N, C-alpha and C. Protein backbone atom coordinates (compact mmCIF):
# COMPACT_ATOMS: atom_id res chain seq x y z
N UNK A 1 0.80 -1.26 0.13
CA UNK A 1 0.22 0.05 0.01
C UNK A 1 1.06 1.30 -0.13
N UNK A 2 2.02 1.15 0.59
CA UNK A 2 2.77 2.46 0.71
C UNK A 2 4.12 2.68 -0.02
N UNK A 3 4.20 1.59 -1.19
CA UNK A 3 5.24 1.96 -1.95
C UNK A 3 5.44 3.11 -2.68
N UNK A 4 4.33 3.81 -3.17
CA UNK A 4 4.71 5.17 -3.76
C UNK A 4 5.28 6.11 -2.67
N UNK A 5 5.07 5.80 -1.37
CA UNK A 5 5.51 6.82 -0.34
C UNK A 5 7.17 6.99 -0.44
N UNK A 6 7.57 5.80 -0.97
CA UNK A 6 9.19 5.87 -1.03
C UNK A 6 9.90 7.05 -2.04
N UNK A 7 8.81 7.57 -3.01
CA UNK A 7 9.37 8.47 -3.90
C UNK A 7 8.52 9.53 -3.68
N UNK A 8 7.42 9.66 -3.11
CA UNK A 8 6.41 10.85 -3.24
C UNK A 8 6.02 10.87 -1.74
N UNK A 9 5.97 12.25 -1.31
CA UNK A 9 5.43 12.61 -0.15
C UNK A 9 3.84 12.60 0.05
N UNK A 10 3.41 11.31 0.11
CA UNK A 10 1.71 11.15 0.18
C UNK A 10 1.51 10.27 1.34
N UNK A 11 2.21 10.35 2.35
CA UNK A 11 1.84 9.65 3.59
C UNK A 11 0.55 9.62 4.15
N UNK A 12 -0.16 10.79 3.88
CA UNK A 12 -1.09 10.96 4.74
C UNK A 12 -2.53 10.12 3.94
N UNK A 13 -2.26 9.83 2.76
CA UNK A 13 -3.08 9.10 1.74
C UNK A 13 -2.64 7.45 1.90
N UNK A 14 -1.33 7.33 1.96
CA UNK A 14 -1.13 5.84 1.94
C UNK A 14 -1.18 5.31 3.37
N UNK A 15 -1.07 6.14 4.46
CA UNK A 15 -1.77 5.61 5.72
C UNK A 15 -3.09 5.20 5.77
N UNK A 16 -4.08 6.04 4.99
CA UNK A 16 -5.38 5.68 5.07
C UNK A 16 -5.68 4.50 4.28
N UNK A 17 -4.87 4.24 3.18
CA UNK A 17 -4.98 3.02 2.31
C UNK A 17 -4.50 1.77 3.42
N UNK A 18 -3.69 1.98 4.17
CA UNK A 18 -3.33 0.65 5.05
C UNK A 18 -4.63 0.37 5.71
N UNK A 19 -5.02 1.51 6.48
CA UNK A 19 -6.12 1.45 7.51
C UNK A 19 -7.38 0.68 6.60
N UNK A 20 -7.74 1.37 5.62
CA UNK A 20 -8.90 0.76 4.75
C UNK A 20 -8.66 -0.76 4.15
N UNK A 21 -7.46 -1.08 3.92
CA UNK A 21 -7.11 -2.24 3.50
C UNK A 21 -7.65 -3.34 4.74
N UNK A 22 -7.13 -3.02 5.69
CA UNK A 22 -7.46 -3.87 6.96
C UNK A 22 -9.16 -3.72 7.24
N UNK A 23 -9.59 -2.81 7.07
CA UNK A 23 -11.15 -2.48 7.56
C UNK A 23 -12.10 -2.95 6.52
N UNK A 24 -11.63 -2.84 5.29
CA UNK A 24 -12.56 -3.14 4.18
C UNK A 24 -12.41 -4.73 3.55
N UNK A 25 -11.45 -5.47 4.29
CA UNK A 25 -11.34 -7.00 3.76
C UNK A 25 -12.55 -7.60 3.73
N UNK A 26 -12.89 -8.28 2.50
CA UNK A 26 -14.12 -9.14 2.21
C UNK A 26 -15.13 -8.14 1.65
N UNK A 27 -15.35 -6.80 1.47
CA UNK A 27 -16.20 -5.96 0.98
C UNK A 27 -15.96 -5.76 -0.43
N UNK A 28 -17.12 -5.22 -1.29
CA UNK A 28 -16.87 -5.09 -2.68
C UNK A 28 -15.79 -3.91 -2.93
N UNK A 29 -15.46 -3.02 -2.09
CA UNK A 29 -14.61 -2.05 -2.41
C UNK A 29 -13.03 -2.43 -2.05
N UNK A 30 -12.88 -3.49 -1.56
CA UNK A 30 -11.58 -3.87 -1.18
C UNK A 30 -10.46 -3.89 -2.46
N UNK A 31 -11.03 -4.32 -3.88
CA UNK A 31 -10.22 -4.46 -4.78
C UNK A 31 -9.69 -2.95 -5.03
N UNK A 32 -10.61 -2.01 -4.83
CA UNK A 32 -10.01 -0.45 -5.08
C UNK A 32 -8.88 -0.16 -4.12
N UNK A 33 -8.89 -0.51 -2.97
CA UNK A 33 -7.55 -0.23 -2.04
C UNK A 33 -6.53 -1.29 -2.54
N UNK A 34 -6.77 -2.34 -3.01
CA UNK A 34 -5.70 -3.20 -3.42
C UNK A 34 -4.78 -2.46 -4.60
N UNK A 35 -5.51 -1.50 -5.25
CA UNK A 35 -4.64 -1.01 -6.43
C UNK A 35 -4.00 0.42 -5.96
N UNK A 36 -3.79 0.50 -4.58
CA UNK A 36 -3.48 1.53 -4.20
C UNK A 36 -1.59 1.46 -4.12
N UNK A 37 -1.21 0.75 -5.00
CA UNK A 37 0.10 0.79 -5.28
C UNK A 37 0.23 1.10 -6.63
N UNK A 38 -0.78 1.42 -7.32
CA UNK A 38 -0.65 1.86 -8.79
C UNK A 38 -0.59 3.16 -8.93
N UNK A 39 0.39 3.81 -9.51
CA UNK A 39 0.64 5.20 -9.42
C UNK A 39 -0.68 5.99 -10.18
N UNK A 40 -1.23 5.64 -11.21
CA UNK A 40 -2.45 6.62 -11.82
C UNK A 40 -3.55 6.45 -11.04
N UNK A 41 -3.73 5.20 -10.56
CA UNK A 41 -4.85 5.00 -9.51
C UNK A 41 -4.94 5.73 -8.05
N UNK A 42 -3.49 6.13 -7.76
CA UNK A 42 -3.46 6.72 -6.48
C UNK A 42 -3.66 8.41 -6.92
N UNK A 43 -3.10 8.78 -8.11
CA UNK A 43 -3.16 10.05 -8.33
C UNK A 43 -4.85 10.59 -8.77
N UNK A 44 -5.37 9.44 -9.24
CA UNK A 44 -6.80 9.65 -9.58
C UNK A 44 -7.72 9.79 -8.27
N UNK A 45 -7.25 9.22 -7.24
CA UNK A 45 -7.91 9.13 -5.89
C UNK A 45 -7.62 10.48 -5.14
N UNK A 46 -6.44 10.84 -5.24
CA UNK A 46 -6.19 12.17 -4.68
C UNK A 46 -6.79 13.35 -5.33
N UNK A 47 -6.84 13.39 -6.61
CA UNK A 47 -7.28 14.33 -7.29
C UNK A 47 -8.80 14.31 -7.06
N UNK A 48 -9.49 13.22 -7.14
CA UNK A 48 -10.87 13.24 -6.88
C UNK A 48 -11.57 13.75 -5.63
N UNK A 49 -10.46 13.45 -4.50
CA UNK A 49 -10.77 14.04 -3.22
C UNK A 49 -10.79 15.70 -3.13
N UNK A 50 -9.70 16.14 -3.75
CA UNK A 50 -9.42 17.53 -3.92
C UNK A 50 -10.59 18.35 -4.83
N UNK A 51 -10.90 17.81 -5.80
CA UNK A 51 -11.86 18.25 -6.63
C UNK A 51 -13.45 18.18 -5.71
N UNK A 52 -13.52 17.21 -5.02
CA UNK A 52 -14.91 17.48 -4.21
C UNK A 52 -14.60 18.49 -3.28
N UNK A 53 -13.56 18.87 -2.69
CA UNK A 53 -13.33 19.73 -1.83
C UNK A 53 -13.80 21.28 -2.58
N UNK A 54 -13.15 21.03 -3.69
CA UNK A 54 -13.35 22.39 -4.45
C UNK A 54 -14.95 22.61 -5.01
N UNK A 55 -15.51 21.62 -5.35
CA UNK A 55 -16.88 21.53 -5.86
C UNK A 55 -17.75 21.89 -4.72
N UNK A 56 -17.45 21.61 -3.43
CA UNK A 56 -18.30 21.88 -2.27
C UNK A 56 -17.88 23.16 -1.50
N UNK A 57 -16.91 23.90 -2.23
CA UNK A 57 -16.77 25.40 -1.68
C UNK A 57 -16.03 25.25 -0.26
N UNK A 58 -15.27 24.13 -0.14
CA UNK A 58 -14.49 23.97 1.14
C UNK A 58 -13.20 24.78 1.20
N UNK A 59 -13.17 26.00 0.97
CA UNK A 59 -12.16 26.88 0.77
C UNK A 59 -11.09 26.93 1.89
N UNK A 60 -11.70 26.86 3.20
CA UNK A 60 -10.88 26.87 4.34
C UNK A 60 -9.74 25.50 4.32
N UNK A 61 -10.56 24.37 3.99
CA UNK A 61 -9.74 22.94 3.97
C UNK A 61 -8.89 23.02 2.92
N UNK A 62 -9.22 23.70 1.67
CA UNK A 62 -8.13 23.47 0.55
C UNK A 62 -6.79 24.71 1.08
N UNK A 63 -7.16 25.82 1.66
CA UNK A 63 -6.39 26.57 2.14
C UNK A 63 -5.47 26.09 3.20
N UNK A 64 -5.92 25.16 4.12
CA UNK A 64 -5.06 24.52 5.19
C UNK A 64 -4.08 23.66 4.47
N UNK A 65 -4.64 23.09 3.42
CA UNK A 65 -3.76 22.13 2.61
C UNK A 65 -2.65 22.64 2.06
N UNK A 66 -2.88 23.75 1.50
CA UNK A 66 -1.93 24.49 0.68
C UNK A 66 -0.79 25.28 1.70
N UNK A 67 -1.33 25.73 2.80
CA UNK A 67 -0.41 26.34 3.94
C UNK A 67 0.59 25.28 4.55
N UNK A 68 -0.07 24.06 4.65
CA UNK A 68 0.90 23.16 5.19
C UNK A 68 2.00 22.62 4.28
N UNK A 69 1.45 22.32 2.89
CA UNK A 69 2.46 22.00 1.83
C UNK A 69 3.50 23.12 1.76
N UNK A 70 3.11 24.47 1.71
CA UNK A 70 3.95 25.71 1.54
C UNK A 70 5.08 25.58 2.60
N UNK A 71 4.75 25.17 3.89
CA UNK A 71 5.46 25.13 5.15
C UNK A 71 7.01 24.35 5.15
N UNK A 72 6.82 23.46 3.91
CA UNK A 72 7.90 22.56 3.81
C UNK A 72 8.94 23.53 3.05
N UNK A 73 8.66 24.65 1.99
CA UNK A 73 9.47 25.59 1.63
C UNK A 73 10.13 24.89 0.30
N UNK A 74 11.25 25.32 -0.19
CA UNK A 74 11.59 24.97 -1.45
C UNK A 74 10.75 24.71 -2.50
N UNK A 75 10.54 23.63 -3.13
CA UNK A 75 9.78 23.54 -4.16
C UNK A 75 8.35 23.42 -4.11
N UNK A 76 8.02 23.55 -2.59
CA UNK A 76 6.73 23.39 -2.35
C UNK A 76 6.15 25.00 -1.63
N UNK A 77 6.94 25.90 -1.85
CA UNK A 77 6.74 26.94 -1.22
C UNK A 77 5.49 27.98 -1.82
N UNK A 78 5.28 27.58 -2.97
CA UNK A 78 3.99 28.24 -3.96
C UNK A 78 3.04 27.21 -4.05
N UNK A 79 3.10 25.94 -3.53
CA UNK A 79 2.23 24.80 -3.77
C UNK A 79 0.63 25.46 -3.80
N UNK A 80 -0.12 25.05 -4.82
CA UNK A 80 -1.69 25.23 -4.80
C UNK A 80 -2.23 24.15 -5.25
N UNK A 81 -3.66 23.81 -4.70
CA UNK A 81 -4.36 22.69 -4.98
C UNK A 81 -4.55 22.64 -6.55
N UNK A 82 -4.95 23.86 -7.10
CA UNK A 82 -5.28 24.04 -8.39
C UNK A 82 -4.07 23.51 -9.32
N UNK A 83 -2.93 24.05 -9.10
CA UNK A 83 -1.50 23.80 -9.70
C UNK A 83 -1.37 22.09 -9.61
N UNK A 84 -1.62 21.67 -8.45
CA UNK A 84 -1.40 20.27 -8.17
C UNK A 84 -2.16 19.24 -9.08
N UNK A 85 -3.52 19.57 -8.95
CA UNK A 85 -4.48 19.08 -9.72
C UNK A 85 -4.41 18.99 -11.43
N UNK A 86 -3.76 20.26 -12.09
CA UNK A 86 -3.39 20.35 -13.33
C UNK A 86 -2.25 19.26 -13.68
N UNK A 87 -1.28 19.23 -12.59
CA UNK A 87 -0.06 18.53 -12.89
C UNK A 87 -0.60 16.98 -12.91
N UNK A 88 -1.60 16.47 -12.31
CA UNK A 88 -1.97 15.04 -12.34
C UNK A 88 -2.90 15.05 -13.58
N UNK A 89 -3.54 15.95 -14.10
CA UNK A 89 -4.22 15.83 -15.26
C UNK A 89 -3.30 15.75 -16.53
N UNK A 90 -2.16 16.46 -16.44
CA UNK A 90 -1.03 16.54 -17.40
C UNK A 90 -0.46 15.11 -17.41
N UNK A 91 -0.46 14.33 -16.16
CA UNK A 91 0.43 13.17 -16.12
C UNK A 91 -0.29 12.05 -17.15
N UNK A 92 -1.29 12.23 -17.85
CA UNK A 92 -1.99 11.23 -18.38
C UNK A 92 -1.17 10.93 -19.84
N UNK A 93 -0.15 11.69 -20.07
CA UNK A 93 0.67 11.57 -21.15
C UNK A 93 1.82 10.65 -21.20
N UNK A 94 1.98 10.64 -19.60
CA UNK A 94 3.44 9.96 -19.16
C UNK A 94 3.12 8.39 -19.12
N UNK A 95 4.38 7.64 -19.32
CA UNK A 95 4.09 6.20 -19.09
C UNK A 95 4.47 6.02 -17.66
N UNK A 96 3.99 4.75 -17.29
CA UNK A 96 4.06 4.36 -15.90
C UNK A 96 5.51 4.47 -15.30
N UNK A 97 6.58 4.28 -15.83
CA UNK A 97 7.89 4.84 -15.67
C UNK A 97 8.21 5.94 -15.43
N UNK A 98 7.56 6.89 -16.58
CA UNK A 98 7.80 8.30 -16.50
C UNK A 98 7.08 9.10 -15.25
N UNK A 99 5.79 8.56 -14.99
CA UNK A 99 5.27 9.18 -13.91
C UNK A 99 5.93 9.01 -12.58
N UNK A 100 6.46 7.96 -12.43
CA UNK A 100 7.23 7.86 -11.18
C UNK A 100 8.39 8.56 -10.90
N UNK A 101 8.87 9.28 -12.04
CA UNK A 101 10.11 10.17 -11.89
C UNK A 101 9.62 11.67 -11.47
N UNK A 102 8.51 11.82 -11.70
CA UNK A 102 7.91 13.14 -11.19
C UNK A 102 7.56 13.22 -9.64
N UNK A 103 7.39 14.44 -9.16
CA UNK A 103 7.17 14.61 -7.83
C UNK A 103 5.57 15.02 -7.69
N UNK A 104 4.76 14.05 -6.96
CA UNK A 104 3.57 14.12 -6.73
C UNK A 104 3.36 14.30 -5.05
N UNK A 105 4.28 14.99 -4.43
CA UNK A 105 4.01 14.94 -2.90
C UNK A 105 2.99 15.98 -2.62
N UNK A 106 2.15 15.57 -1.72
CA UNK A 106 1.24 16.49 -1.09
C UNK A 106 1.00 16.31 0.42
N UNK A 107 1.00 17.14 1.20
CA UNK A 107 1.03 17.10 2.58
C UNK A 107 -0.53 17.25 3.09
N UNK A 108 -0.87 16.59 4.03
CA UNK A 108 -2.05 16.87 4.53
C UNK A 108 -2.19 16.91 6.02
N UNK A 109 -2.79 18.14 6.42
CA UNK A 109 -3.08 18.31 7.93
C UNK A 109 -3.80 17.13 8.59
N UNK A 110 -3.70 16.87 9.99
CA UNK A 110 -4.44 15.91 10.46
C UNK A 110 -5.81 16.00 10.34
N UNK A 111 -6.50 17.01 10.35
CA UNK A 111 -8.17 17.28 10.34
C UNK A 111 -8.31 17.08 8.67
N UNK A 112 -7.51 16.96 7.87
CA UNK A 112 -7.82 16.76 6.41
C UNK A 112 -7.62 15.17 6.27
N UNK A 113 -6.81 14.48 6.93
CA UNK A 113 -6.65 13.09 6.86
C UNK A 113 -7.97 12.56 7.56
N UNK A 114 -8.49 12.97 8.69
CA UNK A 114 -9.85 12.47 9.28
C UNK A 114 -10.85 12.89 8.23
N UNK A 115 -10.69 14.04 7.46
CA UNK A 115 -12.16 14.36 6.63
C UNK A 115 -12.21 13.53 5.55
N UNK A 116 -11.00 13.02 4.71
CA UNK A 116 -10.84 12.03 3.79
C UNK A 116 -11.55 10.53 4.39
N UNK A 117 -10.97 10.34 5.39
CA UNK A 117 -11.49 8.98 5.81
C UNK A 117 -13.09 9.14 5.81
N UNK A 118 -13.52 10.13 6.53
CA UNK A 118 -15.17 10.40 6.69
C UNK A 118 -15.67 10.57 5.29
N UNK A 119 -15.40 11.54 4.82
CA UNK A 119 -16.21 12.03 3.57
C UNK A 119 -16.14 11.03 2.37
N UNK A 120 -14.89 10.28 2.12
CA UNK A 120 -14.79 9.49 0.96
C UNK A 120 -15.12 7.88 1.54
N UNK A 121 -14.84 7.81 2.50
CA UNK A 121 -14.95 6.14 3.02
C UNK A 121 -15.94 5.99 4.24
N UNK A 122 -16.16 7.01 4.61
CA UNK A 122 -17.12 6.64 6.00
C UNK A 122 -16.78 6.13 7.17
N UNK A 123 -15.63 6.49 7.36
CA UNK A 123 -14.82 5.92 8.56
C UNK A 123 -14.76 6.86 9.78
N UNK A 124 -15.39 6.41 10.70
CA UNK A 124 -15.39 7.17 12.15
C UNK A 124 -14.00 7.40 12.64
N UNK A 125 -13.63 8.78 12.93
CA UNK A 125 -12.37 8.76 13.27
C UNK A 125 -12.19 10.08 14.04
N UNK A 126 -11.13 10.21 15.13
CA UNK A 126 -10.94 11.16 15.94
C UNK A 126 -9.53 11.66 16.06
N UNK A 127 -9.30 12.81 15.98
CA UNK A 127 -7.99 13.48 15.92
C UNK A 127 -7.66 13.91 17.18
N UNK A 128 -6.31 13.47 17.84
CA UNK A 128 -5.78 13.82 19.07
C UNK A 128 -4.46 14.43 18.66
N UNK A 129 -4.05 15.56 19.65
CA UNK A 129 -2.92 16.48 19.52
C UNK A 129 -1.99 16.13 20.66
N UNK A 130 -0.87 15.56 20.32
CA UNK A 130 0.22 15.24 21.38
C UNK A 130 -0.22 14.13 22.29
N UNK A 131 -0.98 13.45 21.96
CA UNK A 131 -1.12 12.17 22.90
C UNK A 131 -1.44 10.92 22.20
N UNK A 132 -1.46 9.73 22.61
CA UNK A 132 -1.63 8.60 22.18
C UNK A 132 -2.56 7.55 22.96
N UNK A 133 -3.67 7.61 22.42
CA UNK A 133 -4.86 6.82 22.91
C UNK A 133 -4.54 5.32 22.55
N UNK A 134 -3.52 4.80 21.80
CA UNK A 134 -3.19 3.50 21.52
C UNK A 134 -4.27 3.04 20.26
N UNK A 135 -4.13 1.77 19.90
CA UNK A 135 -5.17 0.88 19.09
C UNK A 135 -4.86 1.41 17.78
N UNK A 136 -5.74 0.80 16.98
CA UNK A 136 -5.80 0.88 15.29
C UNK A 136 -5.84 2.45 14.96
N UNK A 137 -4.69 2.98 14.48
CA UNK A 137 -4.63 4.68 14.20
C UNK A 137 -3.69 4.94 13.16
N UNK A 138 -3.92 6.32 12.87
CA UNK A 138 -2.87 6.78 12.11
C UNK A 138 -2.11 7.73 12.75
N UNK A 139 -0.86 7.71 12.74
CA UNK A 139 0.05 8.45 13.82
C UNK A 139 0.92 9.45 12.99
N UNK A 140 0.65 10.65 13.41
CA UNK A 140 1.42 11.79 12.85
C UNK A 140 2.69 12.10 13.55
N UNK A 141 4.05 11.92 13.02
CA UNK A 141 5.14 12.08 13.61
C UNK A 141 5.62 13.35 13.41
N UNK A 142 5.90 14.18 14.51
CA UNK A 142 6.70 15.41 14.47
C UNK A 142 8.27 15.41 14.76
N UNK A 143 8.80 16.56 14.40
CA UNK A 143 10.29 16.45 14.62
C UNK A 143 10.79 17.85 15.37
N UNK A 144 11.53 17.71 16.33
CA UNK A 144 11.90 18.92 17.15
C UNK A 144 12.55 19.95 16.29
N UNK A 145 13.17 19.45 15.30
CA UNK A 145 13.74 20.23 14.52
C UNK A 145 13.30 20.92 13.04
N UNK A 146 11.78 20.56 13.02
CA UNK A 146 10.86 20.79 11.89
C UNK A 146 10.48 22.14 12.10
N UNK A 147 10.46 22.93 10.97
CA UNK A 147 9.73 24.15 10.89
C UNK A 147 8.15 24.25 10.02
N UNK A 148 7.83 22.93 9.89
CA UNK A 148 6.59 22.71 9.08
C UNK A 148 5.37 22.95 9.77
N UNK A 149 4.41 23.32 9.08
CA UNK A 149 2.98 23.66 9.82
C UNK A 149 2.71 22.32 10.64
N UNK A 150 1.51 22.30 11.37
CA UNK A 150 1.09 21.45 12.24
C UNK A 150 1.89 21.16 13.38
N UNK A 151 2.61 22.01 13.78
CA UNK A 151 3.56 21.88 15.01
C UNK A 151 4.88 21.07 14.41
N UNK A 152 5.19 20.90 13.27
CA UNK A 152 6.45 20.28 12.80
C UNK A 152 6.12 18.91 12.30
N UNK A 153 4.99 18.55 11.86
CA UNK A 153 4.36 17.46 11.34
C UNK A 153 5.48 17.12 10.38
N UNK A 154 5.71 15.85 10.24
CA UNK A 154 6.63 15.47 8.85
C UNK A 154 6.30 14.09 8.36
N UNK A 155 5.42 13.30 8.96
CA UNK A 155 5.35 11.97 8.44
C UNK A 155 4.05 11.25 9.45
N UNK A 156 3.33 10.60 8.37
CA UNK A 156 2.33 9.62 8.84
C UNK A 156 2.79 8.14 8.62
N UNK A 157 2.05 7.51 9.56
CA UNK A 157 2.10 5.85 9.40
C UNK A 157 1.08 5.34 10.13
N UNK A 158 0.86 4.06 9.79
CA UNK A 158 -0.46 3.24 10.31
C UNK A 158 -0.10 2.25 11.12
N UNK A 159 -0.86 2.33 12.38
CA UNK A 159 -0.73 1.16 13.12
C UNK A 159 -1.82 0.17 13.35
N UNK A 160 -1.70 -0.82 12.78
CA UNK A 160 -2.68 -1.76 12.76
C UNK A 160 -3.16 -2.40 14.16
N UNK A 161 -4.36 -3.14 14.28
CA UNK A 161 -5.22 -3.54 15.32
C UNK A 161 -4.02 -4.61 16.19
N UNK A 162 -3.05 -5.21 15.36
CA UNK A 162 -2.15 -5.87 16.24
C UNK A 162 -0.77 -5.26 16.57
N UNK A 163 -1.02 -3.91 16.61
CA UNK A 163 0.10 -3.12 17.04
C UNK A 163 1.07 -3.18 16.10
N UNK A 164 1.05 -3.69 14.89
CA UNK A 164 2.47 -3.42 13.97
C UNK A 164 2.29 -2.13 13.08
N UNK A 165 3.33 -1.75 12.59
CA UNK A 165 3.52 -0.28 12.34
C UNK A 165 3.60 -0.45 10.67
N UNK A 166 3.00 0.35 9.90
CA UNK A 166 3.13 0.23 8.55
C UNK A 166 3.51 1.33 7.74
N UNK A 167 4.42 1.56 7.21
CA UNK A 167 4.98 2.72 6.30
C UNK A 167 6.20 2.63 5.43
N UNK A 168 6.29 3.76 4.41
CA UNK A 168 7.27 3.40 3.58
C UNK A 168 7.23 2.35 2.58
N UNK A 169 6.27 1.44 2.66
CA UNK A 169 5.92 0.31 1.65
C UNK A 169 6.58 -0.67 2.33
N UNK A 170 7.30 -0.80 3.46
CA UNK A 170 8.19 -2.01 3.91
C UNK A 170 7.46 -2.82 4.67
N UNK A 171 7.87 -4.05 4.82
CA UNK A 171 7.15 -5.16 5.82
C UNK A 171 6.78 -4.27 7.12
N UNK A 172 5.84 -4.73 7.93
CA UNK A 172 5.61 -4.10 8.99
C UNK A 172 6.68 -3.90 10.10
N UNK A 173 6.85 -2.67 10.72
CA UNK A 173 7.79 -2.43 11.94
C UNK A 173 7.15 -2.83 13.30
N UNK A 174 8.08 -3.06 13.86
CA UNK A 174 7.72 -3.51 15.49
C UNK A 174 7.36 -2.43 16.26
N UNK A 175 7.90 -1.20 15.85
CA UNK A 175 7.85 0.06 16.90
C UNK A 175 7.85 1.23 15.85
N UNK A 176 7.17 2.35 16.67
CA UNK A 176 6.92 3.58 15.86
C UNK A 176 8.45 3.95 15.68
N UNK A 177 9.28 3.96 16.36
CA UNK A 177 10.67 4.29 16.22
C UNK A 177 11.32 3.90 14.93
N UNK A 178 11.07 2.93 14.96
CA UNK A 178 11.72 2.11 13.82
C UNK A 178 11.04 2.58 12.51
N UNK A 179 9.77 2.56 12.61
CA UNK A 179 9.13 3.08 11.42
C UNK A 179 9.26 4.39 10.84
N UNK A 180 9.45 5.32 11.86
CA UNK A 180 9.59 6.69 11.65
C UNK A 180 10.97 7.01 10.71
N UNK A 181 11.81 6.18 10.86
CA UNK A 181 13.08 6.69 9.99
C UNK A 181 13.21 5.49 9.11
N UNK A 182 12.07 4.77 8.81
CA UNK A 182 12.24 3.72 7.56
C UNK A 182 13.26 2.73 7.59
N UNK A 183 13.57 2.45 8.97
CA UNK A 183 14.47 1.20 9.11
C UNK A 183 16.21 1.81 9.30
N UNK A 184 16.25 3.02 8.86
CA UNK A 184 17.55 3.68 8.89
C UNK A 184 18.05 3.87 10.39
N UNK A 185 19.37 4.41 10.66
CA UNK A 185 19.74 4.65 12.06
C UNK A 185 18.94 5.78 12.51
N UNK A 186 18.31 5.58 13.69
CA UNK A 186 17.51 6.64 14.15
C UNK A 186 18.21 7.89 14.56
N UNK A 187 17.29 8.88 14.33
CA UNK A 187 17.75 10.30 14.34
C UNK A 187 16.91 10.73 15.79
N UNK A 188 17.68 11.60 16.49
CA UNK A 188 17.08 12.20 17.68
C UNK A 188 16.00 13.26 17.16
N UNK A 189 14.94 13.22 18.02
CA UNK A 189 13.86 14.37 17.89
C UNK A 189 12.38 13.83 17.30
N UNK A 190 12.50 12.73 16.80
CA UNK A 190 11.01 12.18 16.67
C UNK A 190 10.13 11.94 17.75
N UNK A 191 9.00 12.25 17.45
CA UNK A 191 7.82 12.16 18.40
C UNK A 191 6.45 12.20 17.83
N UNK A 192 5.71 11.45 18.68
CA UNK A 192 4.26 11.47 17.99
C UNK A 192 3.71 12.74 18.45
N UNK A 193 3.33 13.32 17.34
CA UNK A 193 2.56 14.77 17.54
C UNK A 193 1.04 14.65 17.38
N UNK A 194 0.69 13.82 16.45
CA UNK A 194 -0.97 13.53 16.43
C UNK A 194 -1.26 12.14 16.14
N UNK A 195 -2.50 11.81 16.66
CA UNK A 195 -2.97 10.54 16.45
C UNK A 195 -4.46 10.64 16.06
N UNK A 196 -4.66 9.95 14.73
CA UNK A 196 -5.98 9.86 14.21
C UNK A 196 -6.71 8.49 14.54
N UNK A 197 -7.28 8.34 15.56
CA UNK A 197 -7.97 6.97 15.84
C UNK A 197 -9.12 6.59 14.94
N UNK A 198 -9.19 5.19 14.63
CA UNK A 198 -10.23 4.60 13.64
C UNK A 198 -11.02 3.74 14.58
N UNK A 199 -12.28 3.88 14.15
CA UNK A 199 -13.24 2.82 14.72
C UNK A 199 -13.80 1.82 13.62
């Protein structure tokens, strides 16, 4: 589910895909989630959600996404949802290999992750700041040295009902600390900043 997150910063969406894959097993929509590793399917899913926000006039939500993305600076300093959707539309001319060379990163504030789960998939969820109620959840990691929005939010991961942590498209990790750095030597400063619980 998270393979594309190795090259694109789309951990908000891929963490949701992990959760949905577990919760929707045996349902007619499960096949849609299985395709969560196919680049064009993922881009279509992201664009559909963003277009729904635009169509419903959810300007504050769109501005929240834009402000969070822009807080990463550099290539994202002028990020807009409109430009991002256009980039996805333009990608139809690419081959599978070519599209993977492009950057389709998009950061989601915790409230947007919750909204996506509820609005698109009907999943009941709650957002907690700086605490960990435990259980099945999407965990937002912050970093003490980060100047990004949402109090330094830098990455999401999924914690399954069995406690295993899923991130970066790797096999499950045993701990949040291992998953945060993708199995690389641990860096200091990672901490749980947000938890989105799932029911």
